[in-house]
Amino acid sequence: MQIFADNLSRVSMSNNNIRIELLQNAPGNTTIYAGTLIIPANQAAGFVNAMANSLKQLEDQMKAKSEEGQTDTDIQ
């Protein structure tokens, strides 16, 4: 399943799970609910660190490919 999200509206914890409510931008300068990302609380720090590291790698690859004139990039 793929969910497109522009922002988040709320982060909470329930039953040892972190719940992140995701939003999408909608017409008329409004937002709509897109779904909820649920991460076990004991894995949240590792998940966030892995996401941050992946985004940093992607940024570095995008900069390198931009200099080469390419546009598509995947993290392996």
N, C-alpha and C. Protein backbone atom coordinates (compact mmCIF):
# COMPACT_ATOMS: atom_id res chain seq x y z
N MET A 1 0.84 -1.18 0.00
CA MET A 1 0.00 0.00 0.00
C MET A 1 0.89 1.24 0.00
N GLN A 2 0.49 2.21 -0.75
CA GLN A 2 1.22 3.48 -0.80
C GLN A 2 0.29 4.60 -0.35
N ILE A 3 0.82 5.48 0.47
CA ILE A 3 0.06 6.63 0.94
C ILE A 3 0.88 7.87 0.65
N PHE A 4 0.29 8.82 -0.03
CA PHE A 4 0.95 10.10 -0.28
C PHE A 4 0.59 11.04 0.86
N ALA A 5 1.60 11.62 1.50
CA ALA A 5 1.36 12.53 2.61
C ALA A 5 2.19 13.79 2.42
N ASP A 6 1.58 14.93 2.65
CA ASP A 6 2.27 16.22 2.61
C ASP A 6 2.66 16.69 4.00
N ASN A 7 1.97 16.19 5.02
CA ASN A 7 2.18 16.71 6.36
C ASN A 7 1.62 15.71 7.36
N LEU A 8 1.73 16.04 8.63
CA LEU A 8 1.11 15.22 9.66
C LEU A 8 0.31 16.12 10.57
N SER A 9 -0.71 15.54 11.18
CA SER A 9 -1.59 16.37 12.01
C SER A 9 -1.42 16.10 13.49
N ARG A 10 -1.08 14.87 13.85
CA ARG A 10 -1.03 14.54 15.26
C ARG A 10 -0.15 13.32 15.47
N VAL A 11 0.58 13.32 16.54
CA VAL A 11 1.38 12.17 16.96
C VAL A 11 0.94 11.81 18.37
N SER A 12 0.61 10.53 18.56
CA SER A 12 0.17 10.10 19.88
C SER A 12 0.68 8.69 20.16
N MET A 13 0.51 8.26 21.41
CA MET A 13 0.89 6.89 21.75
C MET A 13 -0.30 6.20 22.40
N SER A 14 -0.55 4.98 21.95
CA SER A 14 -1.64 4.19 22.48
C SER A 14 -1.24 2.72 22.41
N ASN A 15 -1.40 2.01 23.50
CA ASN A 15 -1.06 0.58 23.55
C ASN A 15 0.36 0.30 23.10
N ASN A 16 1.30 1.14 23.53
CA ASN A 16 2.73 1.01 23.18
C ASN A 16 3.00 1.14 21.68
N ASN A 17 2.14 1.84 20.98
CA ASN A 17 2.33 2.13 19.56
C ASN A 17 2.29 3.64 19.35
N ILE A 18 3.24 4.14 18.55
CA ILE A 18 3.23 5.54 18.14
C ILE A 18 2.31 5.63 16.92
N ARG A 19 1.39 6.55 16.96
CA ARG A 19 0.44 6.75 15.85
C ARG A 19 0.66 8.15 15.27
N ILE A 20 0.95 8.20 13.98
CA ILE A 20 1.21 9.46 13.30
C ILE A 20 0.13 9.63 12.24
N GLU A 21 -0.73 10.61 12.43
CA GLU A 21 -1.81 10.87 11.48
C GLU A 21 -1.26 11.71 10.33
N LEU A 22 -1.45 11.21 9.11
CA LEU A 22 -0.91 11.83 7.90
C LEU A 22 -1.98 12.63 7.17
N LEU A 23 -1.55 13.73 6.54
CA LEU A 23 -2.45 14.60 5.80
C LEU A 23 -1.98 14.79 4.36
N GLN A 24 -2.94 15.09 3.50
CA GLN A 24 -2.65 15.48 2.11
C GLN A 24 -3.21 16.88 1.89
N ASN A 25 -2.50 17.67 1.10
CA ASN A 25 -3.04 18.97 0.68
C ASN A 25 -4.18 18.72 -0.28
N ALA A 26 -5.22 19.50 -0.15
CA ALA A 26 -6.40 19.36 -1.00
C ALA A 26 -6.73 20.71 -1.61
N PRO A 27 -7.62 20.71 -2.61
CA PRO A 27 -7.99 21.98 -3.24
C PRO A 27 -8.59 22.96 -2.22
N GLY A 28 -8.47 24.22 -2.50
CA GLY A 28 -9.04 25.25 -1.65
C GLY A 28 -8.25 25.49 -0.38
N ASN A 29 -6.95 25.22 -0.45
CA ASN A 29 -6.06 25.45 0.68
C ASN A 29 -6.52 24.69 1.94
N THR A 30 -7.01 23.44 1.73
CA THR A 30 -7.45 22.59 2.83
C THR A 30 -6.60 21.33 2.86
N THR A 31 -6.76 20.55 3.90
CA THR A 31 -6.07 19.27 4.00
C THR A 31 -7.09 18.17 4.25
N ILE A 32 -6.73 16.95 3.86
CA ILE A 32 -7.58 15.80 4.12
C ILE A 32 -6.74 14.71 4.78
N TYR A 33 -7.39 13.90 5.58
CA TYR A 33 -6.74 12.79 6.27
C TYR A 33 -6.31 11.75 5.23
N ALA A 34 -5.06 11.28 5.33
CA ALA A 34 -4.54 10.32 4.37
C ALA A 34 -4.33 8.93 4.97
N GLY A 35 -4.23 8.84 6.27
CA GLY A 35 -4.01 7.56 6.92
C GLY A 35 -3.22 7.75 8.20
N THR A 36 -2.97 6.63 8.89
CA THR A 36 -2.21 6.67 10.13
C THR A 36 -1.04 5.70 10.03
N LEU A 37 0.15 6.20 10.29
CA LEU A 37 1.34 5.38 10.37
C LEU A 37 1.47 4.92 11.82
N ILE A 38 1.55 3.60 12.04
CA ILE A 38 1.64 3.05 13.39
C ILE A 38 2.98 2.33 13.51
N ILE A 39 3.77 2.74 14.52
CA ILE A 39 5.10 2.18 14.75
C ILE A 39 5.16 1.71 16.19
N PRO A 40 5.61 0.47 16.45
CA PRO A 40 5.78 0.04 17.84
C PRO A 40 6.72 1.01 18.57
N ALA A 41 6.33 1.43 19.76
CA ALA A 41 7.10 2.45 20.49
C ALA A 41 8.54 2.01 20.71
N ASN A 42 8.77 0.73 20.96
CA ASN A 42 10.14 0.28 21.21
C ASN A 42 11.00 0.24 19.96
N GLN A 43 10.40 0.45 18.79
CA GLN A 43 11.15 0.49 17.54
C GLN A 43 11.16 1.87 16.90
N ALA A 44 10.49 2.83 17.52
CA ALA A 44 10.33 4.16 16.92
C ALA A 44 11.65 4.87 16.70
N ALA A 45 12.55 4.84 17.69
CA ALA A 45 13.83 5.55 17.53
C ALA A 45 14.63 4.95 16.37
N GLY A 46 14.70 3.64 16.28
CA GLY A 46 15.40 3.00 15.17
C GLY A 46 14.76 3.32 13.83
N PHE A 47 13.42 3.35 13.80
CA PHE A 47 12.69 3.66 12.57
C PHE A 47 13.01 5.08 12.12
N VAL A 48 12.96 6.03 13.05
CA VAL A 48 13.23 7.43 12.72
C VAL A 48 14.67 7.61 12.26
N ASN A 49 15.61 6.97 12.94
CA ASN A 49 17.02 7.05 12.54
C ASN A 49 17.23 6.46 11.15
N ALA A 50 16.60 5.32 10.87
CA ALA A 50 16.73 4.70 9.55
C ALA A 50 16.14 5.61 8.47
N MET A 51 15.01 6.24 8.77
CA MET A 51 14.38 7.16 7.82
C MET A 51 15.29 8.36 7.57
N ALA A 52 15.84 8.94 8.63
CA ALA A 52 16.72 10.10 8.49
C ALA A 52 17.96 9.73 7.68
N ASN A 53 18.56 8.58 7.98
CA ASN A 53 19.74 8.15 7.23
C ASN A 53 19.42 7.91 5.77
N SER A 54 18.28 7.29 5.49
CA SER A 54 17.87 7.05 4.11
C SER A 54 17.65 8.35 3.36
N LEU A 55 17.01 9.32 4.02
CA LEU A 55 16.77 10.61 3.37
C LEU A 55 18.08 11.35 3.11
N LYS A 56 19.02 11.23 4.01
CA LYS A 56 20.34 11.84 3.80
C LYS A 56 21.04 11.19 2.60
N GLN A 57 21.00 9.86 2.52
CA GLN A 57 21.59 9.16 1.38
C GLN A 57 20.92 9.57 0.08
N LEU A 58 19.59 9.66 0.11
CA LEU A 58 18.85 10.07 -1.08
C LEU A 58 19.23 11.48 -1.50
N GLU A 59 19.34 12.38 -0.53
CA GLU A 59 19.75 13.75 -0.83
C GLU A 59 21.13 13.78 -1.48
N ASP A 60 22.07 13.01 -0.92
CA ASP A 60 23.42 12.95 -1.48
C ASP A 60 23.41 12.40 -2.91
N GLN A 61 22.62 11.35 -3.13
CA GLN A 61 22.52 10.76 -4.46
C GLN A 61 21.88 11.73 -5.45
N MET A 62 20.86 12.45 -4.99
CA MET A 62 20.19 13.41 -5.87
C MET A 62 21.13 14.53 -6.27
N LYS A 63 21.95 14.99 -5.33
CA LYS A 63 22.93 16.03 -5.66
C LYS A 63 23.92 15.52 -6.68
N ALA A 64 24.40 14.29 -6.50
CA ALA A 64 25.37 13.71 -7.43
C ALA A 64 24.75 13.53 -8.81
N LYS A 65 23.52 13.02 -8.87
CA LYS A 65 22.86 12.80 -10.16
C LYS A 65 22.49 14.11 -10.82
N SER A 66 22.16 15.12 -10.03
CA SER A 66 21.86 16.43 -10.58
C SER A 66 23.07 16.99 -11.32
N GLU A 67 24.22 16.76 -10.73
CA GLU A 67 25.45 17.22 -11.38
C GLU A 67 25.72 16.45 -12.68
N GLU A 68 25.20 15.21 -12.75
CA GLU A 68 25.36 14.38 -13.96
C GLU A 68 24.21 14.57 -14.94
N GLY A 69 23.16 15.27 -14.54
CA GLY A 69 22.02 15.51 -15.41
C GLY A 69 20.97 14.43 -15.32
N GLN A 70 20.98 13.55 -14.32
CA GLN A 70 19.97 12.51 -14.14
C GLN A 70 18.95 12.98 -13.12
N THR A 71 17.75 12.32 -13.12
CA THR A 71 16.70 12.77 -12.21
C THR A 71 16.16 11.69 -11.27
N ASP A 72 16.09 10.41 -11.65
CA ASP A 72 15.52 9.36 -10.83
C ASP A 72 16.57 8.76 -9.89
N THR A 73 16.19 8.53 -8.63
CA THR A 73 17.11 7.99 -7.65
C THR A 73 16.38 7.02 -6.75
N ASP A 74 16.97 5.87 -6.47
CA ASP A 74 16.44 4.89 -5.52
C ASP A 74 17.50 4.60 -4.47
N ILE A 75 17.04 4.43 -3.23
CA ILE A 75 17.95 4.02 -2.15
C ILE A 75 17.93 2.51 -2.11
N GLN A 76 19.06 1.90 -2.03
CA GLN A 76 19.16 0.44 -1.93
C GLN A 76 19.41 0.01 -0.52
